[in-house]
Amino acid sequence: MCALLTNIAGWFSGVWIPLELIGGVFKQIALILPFYHSVEVGKLVLNGSFSSILPHIGIVLIYAIIVYGLAIVIFNKKMHDGTV
C-alpha cells in the first residue's frame, strides 16, 4: 500500500515527469491534488521566490485542514461508539 501511494504521489506531483509535458486530463487531476502544490512550494522556497508560494501553500493547507477535521470527527464518533 505504501509503494502504491508513493508511486501515485510521484506521478501526480510532477517530480518524475513535468506536468507540462503530459498535459490533458492527467494534468488537471494533478492540479486538484496537493502533491503537485507541495512540490511547487519546495521548489519556490529553494529558489527564494517566497512571494509566489501563497497559492500553492494555500491548497496544501486546505487539504491538511480537511484531513485533520475528518480525523477529529472519526475519532469522536469512535469514542462515542466505544470502539476505541
Protein backbone atom coordinates (compact mmCIF):
# COMPACT_ATOMS: atom_id res chain seq x y z
CA MET A 1 0.00 0.00 0.00
CA CYS A 2 2.84 2.40 0.84
CA ALA A 3 4.54 1.76 -2.50
CA LEU A 4 1.28 2.44 -4.32
CA LEU A 5 0.80 5.76 -2.53
CA THR A 6 4.41 6.72 -3.23
CA ASN A 7 4.01 5.99 -6.95
CA ILE A 8 0.72 7.89 -7.17
CA ALA A 9 2.19 10.87 -5.34
CA GLY A 10 5.28 10.80 -7.56
CA TRP A 11 3.30 10.75 -10.81
CA PHE A 12 0.79 13.40 -9.76
CA SER A 13 3.38 15.73 -8.25
CA GLY A 14 5.39 16.30 -11.38
CA VAL A 15 8.59 15.19 -9.68
CA TRP A 16 9.49 12.50 -12.22
CA ILE A 17 7.87 13.94 -15.34
CA PRO A 18 6.91 17.64 -15.64
CA LEU A 19 3.15 18.04 -15.92
CA GLU A 20 3.58 20.44 -18.83
CA LEU A 21 4.89 17.53 -20.92
CA ILE A 22 1.91 15.31 -20.09
CA GLY A 23 -0.96 17.80 -20.15
CA GLY A 24 -4.61 16.90 -20.65
CA VAL A 25 -6.79 15.23 -18.05
CA PHE A 26 -3.76 13.91 -16.15
CA LYS A 27 -2.54 17.47 -15.57
CA GLN A 28 -6.00 18.65 -14.49
CA ILE A 29 -6.23 15.84 -11.92
CA ALA A 30 -2.72 16.61 -10.67
CA LEU A 31 -3.59 20.29 -10.19
CA ILE A 32 -6.53 19.34 -7.96
CA LEU A 33 -4.44 17.12 -5.67
CA PRO A 34 -1.99 18.51 -3.08
CA PHE A 35 1.08 16.60 -4.31
CA TYR A 36 1.93 18.99 -7.15
CA HIS A 37 1.44 22.04 -4.96
CA SER A 38 3.68 20.61 -2.21
CA VAL A 39 6.50 20.10 -4.71
CA GLU A 40 6.00 23.60 -6.12
CA VAL A 41 6.24 25.11 -2.62
CA GLY A 42 9.54 23.28 -2.10
CA LYS A 43 10.90 24.45 -5.46
CA LEU A 44 9.87 28.06 -4.86
CA VAL A 45 11.36 28.13 -1.36
CA LEU A 46 14.65 26.67 -2.60
CA ASN A 47 14.75 29.32 -5.35
CA GLY A 48 13.98 32.09 -2.86
CA SER A 49 10.69 33.03 -4.54
CA PHE A 50 8.74 33.39 -1.31
CA SER A 51 6.16 35.76 -2.79
CA SER A 52 4.94 33.06 -5.21
CA ILE A 53 4.23 30.30 -2.68
CA LEU A 54 0.89 31.61 -1.38
CA PRO A 55 -1.49 29.91 -3.86
CA HIS A 56 0.34 26.58 -3.59
CA ILE A 57 0.68 26.57 0.18
CA GLY A 58 -2.98 27.59 0.48
CA ILE A 59 -4.10 24.45 -1.33
CA VAL A 60 -1.83 22.26 0.81
CA LEU A 61 -3.20 23.89 3.97
CA ILE A 62 -6.80 23.36 2.84
CA TYR A 63 -6.12 19.65 2.37
CA ALA A 64 -4.39 19.49 5.77
CA ILE A 65 -7.34 21.17 7.50
CA ILE A 66 -9.83 18.81 5.82
CA VAL A 67 -7.84 15.70 6.80
CA TYR A 68 -7.35 17.00 10.36
CA GLY A 69 -11.07 17.77 10.68
CA LEU A 70 -12.05 14.34 9.38
CA ALA A 71 -9.68 12.70 11.85
CA ILE A 72 -11.33 14.58 14.73
CA VAL A 73 -14.84 13.65 13.57
CA ILE A 74 -13.95 9.97 13.12
CA PHE A 75 -12.16 9.81 16.47
CA ASN A 76 -15.11 11.40 18.28
CA LYS A 77 -17.53 9.02 16.57
CA LYS A 78 -15.46 6.03 17.60
CA MET A 79 -15.17 7.34 21.17
CA HIS A 80 -18.95 7.64 21.47
CA ASP A 81 -19.50 4.22 19.91
CA GLY A 82 -16.96 2.69 22.29
CA THR A 83 -14.85 1.14 19.53
CA VAL A 84 -11.58 2.80 20.55
